[in-house]
Amino acid sequence: MIRLSLMCLTFISLTIARKSETFDAPFIIDKNGSMMLTINGYNYTLNEKLNLTVIDDICQTNIDFSRPNEKEKNERKGIRLMQVVCETEIEDDESTESVQATNTTLKKK
């Protein structure tokens, strides 16, 4: 009986966790014509070339959302450039000072 109760509670929790919500997200347009939003500490910028930039305290992610060309439309798939640059704290073994390092991930085909 206890096992059945736990299964029911787990199912109810999973069902509740799938709830979706819709919010109004105010934006501004900068002097370059890019649309900028700030949501939960993340800065989102979409420029006129459809490049999306997402910035938080540690990382900056750039994603190319350019429109598909004819080949991509016909094949109904394609590849876009995505670049992730993150700063991490690295502890120095001989002192208590920390050094900032930059990790970059670049995906392109």
PDB file of N, CA and C in Angstrom:
ATOM      1  N   MET A   1       0.819  -1.198   0.000  1.00  0.00           N
ATOM      2  CA  MET A   1       0.000   0.000   0.000  1.00  0.00           C
ATOM      3  C   MET A   1       0.868   1.269   0.000  1.00  0.00           C
ATOM      4  N   ILE A   2       1.937   1.231   0.795  1.00  0.00           N
ATOM      5  CA  ILE A   2       2.830   2.392   0.852  1.00  0.00           C
ATOM      6  C   ILE A   2       3.495   2.600  -0.503  1.00  0.00           C
ATOM      7  N   ARG A   3       3.900   1.503  -1.148  1.00  0.00           N
ATOM      8  CA  ARG A   3       4.535   1.609  -2.463  1.00  0.00           C
ATOM      9  C   ARG A   3       3.577   2.241  -3.471  1.00  0.00           C
ATOM     10  N   LEU A   4       2.306   1.839  -3.454  1.00  0.00           N
ATOM     11  CA  LEU A   4       1.305   2.399  -4.353  1.00  0.00           C
ATOM     12  C   LEU A   4       1.112   3.889  -4.083  1.00  0.00           C
ATOM     13  N   SER A   5       1.083   4.260  -2.808  1.00  0.00           N
ATOM     14  CA  SER A   5       0.925   5.674  -2.445  1.00  0.00           C
ATOM     15  C   SER A   5       2.094   6.505  -2.953  1.00  0.00           C
ATOM     16  N   LEU A   6       3.322   5.969  -2.797  1.00  0.00           N
ATOM     17  CA  LEU A   6       4.497   6.690  -3.285  1.00  0.00           C
ATOM     18  C   LEU A   6       4.468   6.830  -4.799  1.00  0.00           C
ATOM     19  N   MET A   7       4.028   5.782  -5.492  1.00  0.00           N
ATOM     20  CA  MET A   7       3.923   5.861  -6.947  1.00  0.00           C
ATOM     21  C   MET A   7       2.904   6.912  -7.365  1.00  0.00           C
ATOM     22  N   CYS A   8       1.772   6.968  -6.660  1.00  0.00           N
ATOM     23  CA  CYS A   8       0.744   7.968  -6.975  1.00  0.00           C
ATOM     24  C   CYS A   8       1.265   9.381  -6.737  1.00  0.00           C
ATOM     25  N   LEU A   9       1.970   9.581  -5.620  1.00  0.00           N
ATOM     26  CA  LEU A   9       2.527  10.905  -5.323  1.00  0.00           C
ATOM     27  C   LEU A   9       3.568  11.306  -6.365  1.00  0.00           C
ATOM     28  N   THR A  10       4.397  10.357  -6.784  1.00  0.00           N
ATOM     29  CA  THR A  10       5.388  10.647  -7.815  1.00  0.00           C
ATOM     30  C   THR A  10       4.710  11.031  -9.117  1.00  0.00           C
ATOM     31  N   PHE A  11       3.682  10.306  -9.506  1.00  0.00           N
ATOM     32  CA  PHE A  11       2.954  10.604 -10.739  1.00  0.00           C
ATOM     33  C   PHE A  11       2.321  11.988 -10.670  1.00  0.00           C
ATOM     34  N   ILE A  12       1.711  12.312  -9.531  1.00  0.00           N
ATOM     35  CA  ILE A  12       1.088  13.631  -9.359  1.00  0.00           C
ATOM     36  C   ILE A  12       2.151  14.723  -9.451  1.00  0.00           C
ATOM     37  N   SER A  13       3.316  14.512  -8.823  1.00  0.00           N
ATOM     38  CA  SER A  13       4.393  15.502  -8.874  1.00  0.00           C
ATOM     39  C   SER A  13       4.884  15.711 -10.297  1.00  0.00           C
ATOM     40  N   LEU A  14       5.048  14.619 -11.050  1.00  0.00           N
ATOM     41  CA  LEU A  14       5.496  14.738 -12.435  1.00  0.00           C
ATOM     42  C   LEU A  14       4.463  15.446 -13.292  1.00  0.00           C
ATOM     43  N   THR A  15       3.194  15.187 -13.032  1.00  0.00           N
ATOM     44  CA  THR A  15       2.126  15.836 -13.785  1.00  0.00           C
ATOM     45  C   THR A  15       2.116  17.334 -13.513  1.00  0.00           C
ATOM     46  N   ILE A  16       2.283  17.719 -12.273  1.00  0.00           N
ATOM     47  CA  ILE A  16       2.293  19.135 -11.903  1.00  0.00           C
ATOM     48  C   ILE A  16       3.532  19.824 -12.472  1.00  0.00           C
ATOM     49  N   ALA A  17       4.668  19.131 -12.510  1.00  0.00           N
ATOM     50  CA  ALA A  17       5.915  19.729 -12.989  1.00  0.00           C
ATOM     51  C   ALA A  17       5.863  20.075 -14.476  1.00  0.00           C
ATOM     52  N   ARG A  18       4.955  19.502 -15.223  1.00  0.00           N
ATOM     53  CA  ARG A  18       4.888  19.747 -16.664  1.00  0.00           C
ATOM     54  C   ARG A  18       4.036  20.962 -17.016  1.00  0.00           C
ATOM     55  N   LYS A  19       3.610  21.715 -16.043  1.00  0.00           N
ATOM     56  CA  LYS A  19       2.777  22.891 -16.278  1.00  0.00           C
ATOM     57  C   LYS A  19       3.570  23.947 -17.053  1.00  0.00           C
ATOM     58  N   SER A  20       2.965  24.516 -18.079  1.00  0.00           N
ATOM     59  CA  SER A  20       3.639  25.584 -18.820  1.00  0.00           C
ATOM     60  C   SER A  20       3.006  26.922 -18.462  1.00  0.00           C
ATOM     61  N   GLU A  21       3.808  27.956 -18.547  1.00  0.00           N
ATOM     62  CA  GLU A  21       3.335  29.296 -18.226  1.00  0.00           C
ATOM     63  C   GLU A  21       3.750  30.249 -19.336  1.00  0.00           C
ATOM     64  N   THR A  22       3.016  31.326 -19.477  1.00  0.00           N
ATOM     65  CA  THR A  22       3.317  32.351 -20.466  1.00  0.00           C
ATOM     66  C   THR A  22       3.483  33.684 -19.743  1.00  0.00           C
ATOM     67  N   PHE A  23       4.529  34.417 -20.089  1.00  0.00           N
ATOM     68  CA  PHE A  23       4.809  35.701 -19.460  1.00  0.00           C
ATOM     69  C   PHE A  23       5.004  36.765 -20.532  1.00  0.00           C
ATOM     70  N   ASP A  24       4.755  38.004 -20.180  1.00  0.00           N
ATOM     71  CA  ASP A  24       5.111  39.130 -21.038  1.00  0.00           C
ATOM     72  C   ASP A  24       6.569  39.483 -20.753  1.00  0.00           C
ATOM     73  N   ALA A  25       7.383  39.579 -21.775  1.00  0.00           N
ATOM     74  CA  ALA A  25       8.799  39.900 -21.619  1.00  0.00           C
ATOM     75  C   ALA A  25       9.070  41.244 -22.288  1.00  0.00           C
ATOM     76  N   PRO A  26       9.256  42.305 -21.498  1.00  0.00           N
ATOM     77  CA  PRO A  26       9.520  43.615 -22.099  1.00  0.00           C
ATOM     78  C   PRO A  26      10.896  43.641 -22.764  1.00  0.00           C
ATOM     79  N   PHE A  27      11.008  44.376 -23.856  1.00  0.00           N
ATOM     80  CA  PHE A  27      12.277  44.481 -24.571  1.00  0.00           C
ATOM     81  C   PHE A  27      12.551  45.929 -24.920  1.00  0.00           C
ATOM     82  N   ILE A  28      13.819  46.189 -25.252  1.00  0.00           N
ATOM     83  CA  ILE A  28      14.223  47.497 -25.763  1.00  0.00           C
ATOM     84  C   ILE A  28      14.953  47.265 -27.084  1.00  0.00           C
ATOM     85  N   ILE A  29      15.048  48.294 -27.889  1.00  0.00           N
ATOM     86  CA  ILE A  29      15.806  48.227 -29.136  1.00  0.00           C
ATOM     87  C   ILE A  29      16.979  49.186 -28.993  1.00  0.00           C
ATOM     88  N   ASP A  30      18.199  48.651 -29.124  1.00  0.00           N
ATOM     89  CA  ASP A  30      19.382  49.495 -28.941  1.00  0.00           C
ATOM     90  C   ASP A  30      19.662  50.333 -30.190  1.00  0.00           C
ATOM     91  N   LYS A  31      20.715  51.147 -30.123  1.00  0.00           N
ATOM     92  CA  LYS A  31      21.028  52.069 -31.220  1.00  0.00           C
ATOM     93  C   LYS A  31      21.411  51.355 -32.514  1.00  0.00           C
ATOM     94  N   ASN A  32      21.776  50.059 -32.420  1.00  0.00           N
ATOM     95  CA  ASN A  32      22.116  49.272 -33.614  1.00  0.00           C
ATOM     96  C   ASN A  32      20.900  48.569 -34.210  1.00  0.00           C
ATOM     97  N   GLY A  33      19.741  48.716 -33.567  1.00  0.00           N
ATOM     98  CA  GLY A  33      18.529  48.072 -34.056  1.00  0.00           C
ATOM     99  C   GLY A  33      18.313  46.669 -33.529  1.00  0.00           C
ATOM    100  N   SER A  34      19.143  46.223 -32.576  1.00  0.00           N
ATOM    101  CA  SER A  34      18.997  44.889 -31.996  1.00  0.00           C
ATOM    102  C   SER A  34      17.960  44.912 -30.880  1.00  0.00           C
ATOM    103  N   MET A  35      17.140  43.872 -30.820  1.00  0.00           N
ATOM    104  CA  MET A  35      16.138  43.747 -29.765  1.00  0.00           C
ATOM    105  C   MET A  35      16.794  43.082 -28.557  1.00  0.00           C
ATOM    106  N   MET A  36      16.621  43.655 -27.354  1.00  0.00           N
ATOM    107  CA  MET A  36      17.248  43.137 -26.142  1.00  0.00           C
ATOM    108  C   MET A  36      16.199  42.866 -25.072  1.00  0.00           C
ATOM    109  N   LEU A  37      16.291  41.674 -24.442  1.00  0.00           N
ATOM    110  CA  LEU A  37      15.421  41.293 -23.338  1.00  0.00           C
ATOM    111  C   LEU A  37      16.286  40.849 -22.168  1.00  0.00           C
ATOM    112  N   THR A  38      15.834  41.085 -20.941  1.00  0.00           N
ATOM    113  CA  THR A  38      16.487  40.546 -19.756  1.00  0.00           C
ATOM    114  C   THR A  38      15.447  39.744 -18.992  1.00  0.00           C
ATOM    115  N   ILE A  39      15.713  38.427 -18.844  1.00  0.00           N
ATOM    116  CA  ILE A  39      14.775  37.526 -18.176  1.00  0.00           C
ATOM    117  C   ILE A  39      15.557  36.657 -17.206  1.00  0.00           C
ATOM    118  N   ASN A  40      15.197  36.703 -15.920  1.00  0.00           N
ATOM    119  CA  ASN A  40      15.823  35.882 -14.878  1.00  0.00           C
ATOM    120  C   ASN A  40      17.348  35.960 -14.900  1.00  0.00           C
ATOM    121  N   GLY A  41      17.903  37.136 -15.083  1.00  0.00           N
ATOM    122  CA  GLY A  41      19.347  37.317 -15.056  1.00  0.00           C
ATOM    123  C   GLY A  41      20.064  36.997 -16.355  1.00  0.00           C
ATOM    124  N   TYR A  42      19.328  36.614 -17.381  1.00  0.00           N
ATOM    125  CA  TYR A  42      19.917  36.340 -18.687  1.00  0.00           C
ATOM    126  C   TYR A  42      19.579  37.494 -19.625  1.00  0.00           C
ATOM    127  N   ASN A  43      20.569  37.959 -20.376  1.00  0.00           N
ATOM    128  CA  ASN A  43      20.352  38.998 -21.377  1.00  0.00           C
ATOM    129  C   ASN A  43      20.274  38.343 -22.750  1.00  0.00           C
ATOM    130  N   TYR A  44      19.162  38.552 -23.449  1.00  0.00           N
ATOM    131  CA  TYR A  44      18.944  38.005 -24.784  1.00  0.00           C
ATOM    132  C   TYR A  44      18.978  39.153 -25.784  1.00  0.00           C
ATOM    133  N   THR A  45      19.752  39.004 -26.846  1.00  0.00           N
ATOM    134  CA  THR A  45      19.817  40.009 -27.900  1.00  0.00           C
ATOM    135  C   THR A  45      19.653  39.321 -29.246  1.00  0.00           C
ATOM    136  N   LEU A  46      18.742  39.836 -30.068  1.00  0.00           N
ATOM    137  CA  LEU A  46      18.545  39.327 -31.421  1.00  0.00           C
ATOM    138  C   LEU A  46      18.787  40.481 -32.376  1.00  0.00           C
ATOM    139  N   ASN A  47      19.789  40.321 -33.255  1.00  0.00           N
ATOM    140  CA  ASN A  47      20.095  41.417 -34.169  1.00  0.00           C
ATOM    141  C   ASN A  47      19.401  41.223 -35.512  1.00  0.00           C
ATOM    142  N   GLU A  48      19.599  42.182 -36.409  1.00  0.00           N
ATOM    143  CA  GLU A  48      18.910  42.158 -37.710  1.00  0.00           C
ATOM    144  C   GLU A  48      19.357  41.001 -38.595  1.00  0.00           C
ATOM    145  N   LYS A  49      20.524  40.407 -38.311  1.00  0.00           N
ATOM    146  CA  LYS A  49      20.992  39.243 -39.070  1.00  0.00           C
ATOM    147  C   LYS A  49      20.494  37.931 -38.456  1.00  0.00           C
ATOM    148  N   LEU A  50      19.583  38.034 -37.481  1.00  0.00           N
ATOM    149  CA  LEU A  50      18.995  36.889 -36.782  1.00  0.00           C
ATOM    150  C   LEU A  50      20.034  36.082 -36.013  1.00  0.00           C
ATOM    151  N   ASN A  51      21.004  36.772 -35.424  1.00  0.00           N
ATOM    152  CA  ASN A  51      21.962  36.150 -34.519  1.00  0.00           C
ATOM    153  C   ASN A  51      21.482  36.396 -33.099  1.00  0.00           C
ATOM    154  N   LEU A  52      21.271  35.316 -32.346  1.00  0.00           N
ATOM    155  CA  LEU A  52      20.809  35.409 -30.967  1.00  0.00           C
ATOM    156  C   LEU A  52      22.004  35.312 -30.037  1.00  0.00           C
ATOM    157  N   THR A  53      22.112  36.250 -29.096  1.00  0.00           N
ATOM    158  CA  THR A  53      23.152  36.225 -28.078  1.00  0.00           C
ATOM    159  C   THR A  53      22.478  36.129 -26.721  1.00  0.00           C
ATOM    160  N   VAL A  54      22.924  35.157 -25.906  1.00  0.00           N
ATOM    161  CA  VAL A  54      22.405  34.982 -24.552  1.00  0.00           C
ATOM    162  C   VAL A  54      23.585  35.130 -23.604  1.00  0.00           C
ATOM    163  N   ILE A  55      23.463  36.051 -22.628  1.00  0.00           N
ATOM    164  CA  ILE A  55      24.553  36.326 -21.697  1.00  0.00           C
ATOM    165  C   ILE A  55      24.046  36.166 -20.273  1.00  0.00           C
ATOM    166  N   ASP A  56      24.807  35.405 -19.452  1.00  0.00           N
ATOM    167  CA  ASP A  56      24.534  35.344 -18.022  1.00  0.00           C
ATOM    168  C   ASP A  56      25.805  35.771 -17.289  1.00  0.00           C
ATOM    169  N   ASP A  57      25.917  35.452 -15.997  1.00  0.00           N
ATOM    170  CA  ASP A  57      27.078  35.877 -15.217  1.00  0.00           C
ATOM    171  C   ASP A  57      28.374  35.205 -15.664  1.00  0.00           C
ATOM    172  N   ILE A  58      28.286  34.023 -16.278  1.00  0.00           N
ATOM    173  CA  ILE A  58      29.471  33.239 -16.588  1.00  0.00           C
ATOM    174  C   ILE A  58      29.701  33.067 -18.086  1.00  0.00           C
ATOM    175  N   CYS A  59      28.639  32.880 -18.849  1.00  0.00           N
ATOM    176  CA  CYS A  59      28.784  32.499 -20.261  1.00  0.00           C
ATOM    177  C   CYS A  59      28.103  33.471 -21.220  1.00  0.00           C
ATOM    178  N   GLN A  60      28.593  33.448 -22.439  1.00  0.00           N
ATOM    179  CA  GLN A  60      27.946  34.132 -23.554  1.00  0.00           C
ATOM    180  C   GLN A  60      27.775  33.106 -24.662  1.00  0.00           C
ATOM    181  N   THR A  61      26.532  32.942 -25.129  1.00  0.00           N
ATOM    182  CA  THR A  61      26.222  31.991 -26.187  1.00  0.00           C
ATOM    183  C   THR A  61      25.704  32.758 -27.390  1.00  0.00           C
ATOM    184  N   ASN A  62      26.270  32.476 -28.559  1.00  0.00           N
ATOM    185  CA  ASN A  62      25.834  33.088 -29.813  1.00  0.00           C
ATOM    186  C   ASN A  62      25.311  31.991 -30.724  1.00  0.00           C
ATOM    187  N   ILE A  63      24.101  32.173 -31.250  1.00  0.00           N
ATOM    188  CA  ILE A  63      23.485  31.189 -32.132  1.00  0.00           C
ATOM    189  C   ILE A  63      23.001  31.894 -33.391  1.00  0.00           C
ATOM    190  N   ASP A  64      23.359  31.334 -34.537  1.00  0.00           N
ATOM    191  CA  ASP A  64      22.933  31.862 -35.831  1.00  0.00           C
ATOM    192  C   ASP A  64      21.554  31.294 -36.166  1.00  0.00           C
ATOM    193  N   PHE A  65      20.545  32.157 -36.214  1.00  0.00           N
ATOM    194  CA  PHE A  65      19.186  31.751 -36.577  1.00  0.00           C
ATOM    195  C   PHE A  65      18.814  32.291 -37.957  1.00  0.00           C
ATOM    196  N   SER A  66      19.812  32.388 -38.848  1.00  0.00           N
ATOM    197  CA  SER A  66      19.516  32.918 -40.183  1.00  0.00           C
ATOM    198  C   SER A  66      18.507  32.024 -40.898  1.00  0.00           C
ATOM    199  N   ARG A  67      17.801  32.628 -41.837  1.00  0.00           N
ATOM    200  CA  ARG A  67      16.748  31.904 -42.551  1.00  0.00           C
ATOM    201  C   ARG A  67      17.346  30.772 -43.384  1.00  0.00           C
ATOM    202  N   PRO A  68      16.617  29.670 -43.532  1.00  0.00           N
ATOM    203  CA  PRO A  68      17.139  28.542 -44.308  1.00  0.00           C
ATOM    204  C   PRO A  68      17.244  28.876 -45.794  1.00  0.00           C
ATOM    205  N   ASN A  69      18.286  28.326 -46.430  1.00  0.00           N
ATOM    206  CA  ASN A  69      18.424  28.496 -47.877  1.00  0.00           C
ATOM    207  C   ASN A  69      17.558  27.444 -48.585  1.00  0.00           C
ATOM    208  N   GLU A  70      17.558  27.450 -49.902  1.00  0.00           N
ATOM    209  CA  GLU A  70      16.688  26.536 -50.666  1.00  0.00           C
ATOM    210  C   GLU A  70      17.009  25.069 -50.388  1.00  0.00           C
ATOM    211  N   LYS A  71      18.297  24.742 -50.320  1.00  0.00           N
ATOM    212  CA  LYS A  71      18.696  23.355 -50.047  1.00  0.00           C
ATOM    213  C   LYS A  71      18.171  22.908 -48.683  1.00  0.00           C
ATOM    214  N   GLU A  72      18.333  23.767 -47.661  1.00  0.00           N
ATOM    215  CA  GLU A  72      17.860  23.435 -46.316  1.00  0.00           C
ATOM    216  C   GLU A  72      16.341  23.303 -46.287  1.00  0.00           C
ATOM    217  N   LYS A  73      15.655  24.155 -47.016  1.00  0.00           N
ATOM    218  CA  LYS A  73      14.196  24.055 -47.080  1.00  0.00           C
ATOM    219  C   LYS A  73      13.773  22.730 -47.699  1.00  0.00           C
ATOM    220  N   ASN A  74      14.429  22.346 -48.796  1.00  0.00           N
ATOM    221  CA  ASN A  74      14.088  21.094 -49.469  1.00  0.00           C
ATOM    222  C   ASN A  74      14.394  19.874 -48.603  1.00  0.00           C
ATOM    223  N   GLU A  75      15.530  19.910 -47.897  1.00  0.00           N
ATOM    224  CA  GLU A  75      15.919  18.787 -47.044  1.00  0.00           C
ATOM    225  C   GLU A  75      15.260  18.843 -45.671  1.00  0.00           C
ATOM    226  N   ARG A  76      14.645  19.986 -45.354  1.00  0.00           N
ATOM    227  CA  ARG A  76      13.966  20.217 -44.080  1.00  0.00           C
ATOM    228  C   ARG A  76      14.897  20.063 -42.877  1.00  0.00           C
ATOM    229  N   LYS A  77      16.178  20.398 -43.080  1.00  0.00           N
ATOM    230  CA  LYS A  77      17.163  20.388 -42.000  1.00  0.00           C
ATOM    231  C   LYS A  77      18.389  21.181 -42.434  1.00  0.00           C
ATOM    232  N   GLY A  78      19.250  21.489 -41.469  1.00  0.00           N
ATOM    233  CA  GLY A  78      20.456  22.234 -41.770  1.00  0.00           C
ATOM    234  C   GLY A  78      21.329  22.361 -40.537  1.00  0.00           C
ATOM    235  N   ILE A  79      22.410  23.095 -40.657  1.00  0.00           N
ATOM    236  CA  ILE A  79      23.359  23.304 -39.566  1.00  0.00           C
ATOM    237  C   ILE A  79      23.523  24.809 -39.364  1.00  0.00           C
ATOM    238  N   ARG A  80      23.590  25.230 -38.107  1.00  0.00           N
ATOM    239  CA  ARG A  80      23.842  26.625 -37.775  1.00  0.00           C
ATOM    240  C   ARG A  80      25.020  26.715 -36.813  1.00  0.00           C
ATOM    241  N   LEU A  81      25.735  27.830 -36.880  1.00  0.00           N
ATOM    242  CA  LEU A  81      26.873  28.095 -36.015  1.00  0.00           C
ATOM    243  C   LEU A  81      26.390  28.410 -34.601  1.00  0.00           C
ATOM    244  N   MET A  82      27.038  27.786 -33.605  1.00  0.00           N
ATOM    245  CA  MET A  82      26.757  28.078 -32.200  1.00  0.00           C
ATOM    246  C   MET A  82      28.097  28.210 -31.489  1.00  0.00           C
ATOM    247  N   GLN A  83      28.284  29.308 -30.768  1.00  0.00           N
ATOM    248  CA  GLN A  83      29.529  29.549 -30.049  1.00  0.00           C
ATOM    249  C   GLN A  83      29.200  29.827 -28.594  1.00  0.00           C
ATOM    250  N   VAL A  84      29.905  29.134 -27.677  1.00  0.00           N
ATOM    251  CA  VAL A  84      29.715  29.327 -26.244  1.00  0.00           C
ATOM    252  C   VAL A  84      31.062  29.715 -25.642  1.00  0.00           C
ATOM    253  N   VAL A  85      31.103  30.854 -24.947  1.00  0.00           N
ATOM    254  CA  VAL A  85      32.314  31.316 -24.277  1.00  0.00           C
ATOM    255  C   VAL A  85      31.979  31.470 -22.801  1.00  0.00           C
ATOM    256  N   CYS A  86      32.732  30.749 -21.931  1.00  0.00           N
ATOM    257  CA  CYS A  86      32.467  30.793 -20.488  1.00  0.00           C
ATOM    258  C   CYS A  86      33.728  31.161 -19.724  1.00  0.00           C
ATOM    259  N   GLU A  87      33.547  31.906 -18.648  1.00  0.00           N
ATOM    260  CA  GLU A  87      34.639  32.210 -17.730  1.00  0.00           C
ATOM    261  C   GLU A  87      34.448  31.343 -16.498  1.00  0.00           C
ATOM    262  N   THR A  88      35.529  30.696 -16.052  1.00  0.00           N
ATOM    263  CA  THR A  88      35.462  29.868 -14.852  1.00  0.00           C
ATOM    264  C   THR A  88      36.570  30.273 -13.906  1.00  0.00           C
ATOM    265  N   GLU A  89      36.349  30.037 -12.634  1.00  0.00           N
ATOM    266  CA  GLU A  89      37.362  30.305 -11.623  1.00  0.00           C
ATOM    267  C   GLU A  89      38.231  29.059 -11.475  1.00  0.00           C
ATOM    268  N   ILE A  90      39.558  29.215 -11.544  1.00  0.00           N
ATOM    269  CA  ILE A  90      40.484  28.102 -11.370  1.00  0.00           C
ATOM    270  C   ILE A  90      41.331  28.397 -10.140  1.00  0.00           C
ATOM    271  N   GLU A  91      41.361  27.461  -9.194  1.00  0.00           N
ATOM    272  CA  GLU A  91      42.151  27.644  -7.980  1.00  0.00           C
ATOM    273  C   GLU A  91      43.624  27.380  -8.273  1.00  0.00           C
ATOM    274  N   ASP A  92      44.488  28.264  -7.807  1.00  0.00           N
ATOM    275  CA  ASP A  92      45.929  28.089  -7.937  1.00  0.00           C
ATOM    276  C   ASP A  92      46.386  27.180  -6.803  1.00  0.00           C
ATOM    277  N   ASP A  93      47.186  26.149  -7.094  1.00  0.00           N
ATOM    278  CA  ASP A  93      47.620  25.189  -6.082  1.00  0.00           C
ATOM    279  C   ASP A  93      48.511  25.815  -5.018  1.00  0.00           C
ATOM    280  N   GLU A  94      49.322  26.816  -5.363  1.00  0.00           N
ATOM    281  CA  GLU A  94      50.296  27.364  -4.439  1.00  0.00           C
ATOM    282  C   GLU A  94      49.811  28.588  -3.682  1.00  0.00           C
ATOM    283  N   SER A  95      48.663  29.110  -4.003  1.00  0.00           N
ATOM    284  CA  SER A  95      48.157  30.275  -3.286  1.00  0.00           C
ATOM    285  C   SER A  95      46.640  30.220  -3.244  1.00  0.00           C
ATOM    286  N   THR A  96      46.054  31.141  -2.527  1.00  0.00           N
ATOM    287  CA  THR A  96      44.600  31.187  -2.429  1.00  0.00           C
ATOM    288  C   THR A  96      43.986  32.077  -3.491  1.00  0.00           C
ATOM    289  N   GLU A  97      44.845  32.682  -4.323  1.00  0.00           N
ATOM    290  CA  GLU A  97      44.329  33.539  -5.384  1.00  0.00           C
ATOM    291  C   GLU A  97      43.695  32.690  -6.475  1.00  0.00           C
ATOM    292  N   SER A  98      42.680  33.237  -7.098  1.00  0.00           N
ATOM    293  CA  SER A  98      42.056  32.513  -8.207  1.00  0.00           C
ATOM    294  C   SER A  98      42.377  33.217  -9.517  1.00  0.00           C
ATOM    295  N   VAL A  99      42.408  32.439 -10.567  1.00  0.00           N
ATOM    296  CA  VAL A  99      42.725  32.944 -11.895  1.00  0.00           C
ATOM    297  C   VAL A  99      41.516  32.711 -12.779  1.00  0.00           C
ATOM    298  N   GLN A 100      41.147  33.699 -13.583  1.00  0.00           N
ATOM    299  CA  GLN A 100      40.028  33.510 -14.501  1.00  0.00           C
ATOM    300  C   GLN A 100      40.522  32.901 -15.796  1.00  0.00           C
ATOM    301  N   ALA A 101      39.794  31.879 -16.255  1.00  0.00           N
ATOM    302  CA  ALA A 101      40.100  31.241 -17.540  1.00  0.00           C
ATOM    303  C   ALA A 101      38.877  31.361 -18.424  1.00  0.00           C
ATOM    304  N   THR A 102      39.083  31.300 -19.707  1.00  0.00           N
ATOM    305  CA  THR A 102      37.970  31.367 -20.645  1.00  0.00           C
ATOM    306  C   THR A 102      37.908  30.071 -21.428  1.00  0.00           C
ATOM    307  N   ASN A 103      36.739  29.419 -21.390  1.00  0.00           N
ATOM    308  CA  ASN A 103      36.513  28.202 -22.161  1.00  0.00           C
ATOM    309  C   ASN A 103      35.606  28.546 -23.327  1.00  0.00           C
ATOM    310  N   THR A 104      35.991  28.146 -24.514  1.00  0.00           N
ATOM    311  CA  THR A 104      35.193  28.428 -25.701  1.00  0.00           C
ATOM    312  C   THR A 104      34.813  27.126 -26.380  1.00  0.00           C
ATOM    313  N   THR A 105      33.548  26.990 -26.707  1.00  0.00           N
ATOM    314  CA  THR A 105      33.071  25.846 -27.469  1.00  0.00           C
ATOM    315  C   THR A 105      32.499  26.378 -28.767  1.00  0.00           C
ATOM    316  N   LEU A 106      32.967  25.853 -29.865  1.00  0.00           N
ATOM    317  CA  LEU A 106      32.523  26.314 -31.172  1.00  0.00           C
ATOM    318  C   LEU A 106      32.072  25.113 -31.975  1.00  0.00           C
ATOM    319  N   LYS A 107      30.821  25.139 -32.430  1.00  0.00           N
ATOM    320  CA  LYS A 107      30.295  24.036 -33.228  1.00  0.00           C
ATOM    321  C   LYS A 107      29.900  24.568 -34.587  1.00  0.00           C
ATOM    322  N   LYS A 108      30.421  23.939 -35.617  1.00  0.00           N
ATOM    323  CA  LYS A 108      30.067  24.328 -36.979  1.00  0.00           C
ATOM    324  C   LYS A 108      30.326  23.151 -37.894  1.00  0.00           C
ATOM    325  N   LYS A 109      29.444  22.923 -38.838  1.00  0.00           N
ATOM    326  CA  LYS A 109      29.647  21.865 -39.828  1.00  0.00           C
ATOM    327  C   LYS A 109      29.674  22.445 -41.197  1.00  0.00           C
TER     328      LYS A 109
END
